[in-house]
C-alpha atoms as a PDB file:
ATOM      1  CA  MET A   1     -16.892 -12.441 -10.596  1.00  0.00           C
ATOM      2  CA  LYS A   2     -14.068 -13.379 -13.049  1.00  0.00           C
ATOM      3  CA  GLU A   3     -15.361 -10.593 -15.266  1.00  0.00           C
ATOM      4  CA  ARG A   4     -14.716  -8.080 -12.536  1.00  0.00           C
ATOM      5  CA  TYR A   5     -11.385  -9.317 -11.892  1.00  0.00           C
ATOM      6  CA  ASN A   6     -10.327  -9.004 -15.513  1.00  0.00           C
ATOM      7  CA  ASN A   7     -11.800  -5.300 -15.585  1.00  0.00           C
ATOM      8  CA  ILE A   8      -9.739  -4.463 -12.462  1.00  0.00           C
ATOM      9  CA  HIS A   9      -6.389  -6.201 -13.363  1.00  0.00           C
ATOM     10  CA  GLN A  10      -5.840  -4.998 -17.028  1.00  0.00           C
ATOM     11  CA  GLY A  11      -2.195  -4.873 -18.356  1.00  0.00           C
ATOM     12  CA  LYS A  12      -0.267  -1.737 -18.617  1.00  0.00           C
ATOM     13  CA  LYS A  13      -0.720  -1.583 -22.492  1.00  0.00           C
ATOM     14  CA  GLN A  14      -4.533  -1.829 -22.279  1.00  0.00           C
ATOM     15  CA  ILE A  15      -4.308   1.037 -19.331  1.00  0.00           C
ATOM     16  CA  PHE A  16      -2.197   3.214 -21.383  1.00  0.00           C
ATOM     17  CA  ILE A  17      -4.426   2.757 -24.693  1.00  0.00           C
ATOM     18  CA  ASN A  18      -7.635   3.558 -22.392  1.00  0.00           C
ATOM     19  CA  ASN A  19      -6.093   6.682 -20.967  1.00  0.00           C
ATOM     20  CA  LEU A  20      -4.681   7.889 -24.180  1.00  0.00           C
ATOM     21  CA  VAL A  21      -8.076   7.347 -26.059  1.00  0.00           C
ATOM     22  CA  GLY A  22      -9.888   9.210 -23.034  1.00  0.00           C
ATOM     23  CA  GLY A  23      -7.335  11.913 -23.098  1.00  0.00           C
ATOM     24  CA  VAL A  24      -7.890  12.615 -26.733  1.00  0.00           C
ATOM     25  CA  ALA A  25     -11.683  12.454 -26.563  1.00  0.00           C
ATOM     26  CA  TRP A  26     -11.496  14.923 -23.679  1.00  0.00           C
ATOM     27  CA  GLY A  27      -9.133  17.290 -25.655  1.00  0.00           C
ATOM     28  CA  ILE A  28     -11.451  17.261 -28.802  1.00  0.00           C
ATOM     29  CA  GLY A  29     -14.477  17.719 -26.601  1.00  0.00           C
ATOM     30  CA  ALA A  30     -13.089  20.621 -24.911  1.00  0.00           C
ATOM     31  CA  THR A  31     -11.910  22.120 -28.145  1.00  0.00           C
ATOM     32  CA  ILE A  32     -15.284  22.087 -29.677  1.00  0.00           C
ATOM     33  CA  GLY A  33     -16.943  23.159 -26.522  1.00  0.00           C
ATOM     34  CA  LEU A  34     -14.636  26.177 -26.435  1.00  0.00           C
ATOM     35  CA  ALA A  35     -15.184  27.035 -30.059  1.00  0.00           C
ATOM     36  CA  ILE A  36     -18.939  26.845 -29.434  1.00  0.00           C
ATOM     37  CA  ILE A  37     -18.630  29.148 -26.391  1.00  0.00           C
ATOM     38  CA  ILE A  38     -16.355  31.649 -28.197  1.00  0.00           C
ATOM     39  CA  GLY A  39     -18.660  31.620 -31.299  1.00  0.00           C
ATOM     40  CA  GLY A  40     -21.599  32.319 -29.149  1.00  0.00           C
ATOM     41  CA  LEU A  41     -19.799  35.206 -27.431  1.00  0.00           C
ATOM     42  CA  GLY A  42     -18.754  36.742 -30.538  1.00  0.00           C
ATOM     43  CA  LEU A  43     -22.418  36.473 -32.127  1.00  0.00           C
ATOM     44  CA  LEU A  44     -23.498  38.019 -28.776  1.00  0.00           C
ATOM     45  CA  ALA A  45     -20.918  40.770 -29.073  1.00  0.00           C
ATOM     46  CA  GLY A  46     -22.105  41.748 -32.644  1.00  0.00           C
ATOM     47  CA  TYR A  47     -25.571  42.280 -31.435  1.00  0.00           C
ATOM     48  CA  VAL A  48     -24.731  44.152 -28.333  1.00  0.00           C
ATOM     49  CA  ASP A  49     -22.452  46.556 -30.393  1.00  0.00           C
ATOM     50  CA  LEU A  50     -19.596  46.105 -27.749  1.00  0.00           C
ATOM     51  CA  VAL A  51     -16.954  45.800 -30.501  1.00  0.00           C
ATOM     52  CA  PRO A  52     -16.869  49.536 -31.308  1.00  0.00           C
ATOM     53  CA  VAL A  53     -16.674  50.579 -27.638  1.00  0.00           C
ATOM     54  CA  VAL A  54     -13.641  48.068 -27.204  1.00  0.00           C
ATOM     55  CA  GLY A  55     -12.089  49.625 -30.359  1.00  0.00           C
ATOM     56  CA  ASP A  56     -12.512  53.052 -29.255  1.00  0.00           C
ATOM     57  CA  PHE A  57     -10.893  52.154 -25.938  1.00  0.00           C
ATOM     58  CA  ILE A  58      -7.756  50.487 -27.489  1.00  0.00           C
ATOM     59  CA  SER A  59      -7.490  53.476 -29.977  1.00  0.00           C
ATOM     60  CA  GLU A  60      -7.454  55.987 -27.019  1.00  0.00           C
ATOM     61  CA  ILE A  61      -4.622  53.795 -25.252  1.00  0.00           C
ATOM     62  CA  ILE A  62      -2.638  53.591 -28.592  1.00  0.00           C
ATOM     63  CA  ASN A  63      -2.921  57.412 -29.134  1.00  0.00           C
ATOM     64  CA  TYR A  64      -1.902  57.917 -25.443  1.00  0.00           C
ATOM     65  CA  LEU A  65       1.199  55.808 -25.737  1.00  0.00           C
ATOM     66  CA  ILE A  66       2.048  57.411 -29.138  1.00  0.00           C
ATOM     67  CA  SER A  67       1.674  61.058 -27.602  1.00  0.00           C
ATOM     68  CA  LYS A  68       3.952  60.004 -24.637  1.00  0.00           C
ATOM     69  CA  ASN A  69       6.634  58.169 -26.647  1.00  0.00           C
ATOM     70  CA  PRO A  70       6.897  59.738 -30.338  1.00  0.00           C
ATOM     71  CA  ASN A  71       9.451  56.997 -31.207  1.00  0.00           C
ATOM     72  CA  LEU A  72       6.880  54.327 -31.498  1.00  0.00           C
END
């Protein structure tokens, strides 16, 4: 029972350290997870040949903007 009491009533320093370590671990995990997801989507886009379609679309937008405003 005393062990439970000690776990519940931690000092402010211990709570701060636990939350800091938990936050850093969460941030690192989120960064690694996002890198894996973006890498997978990039790999998938390479197989689907989606990049040339997006490039052509952006090229059309740029050409339209230049034709409407020659000062660009």
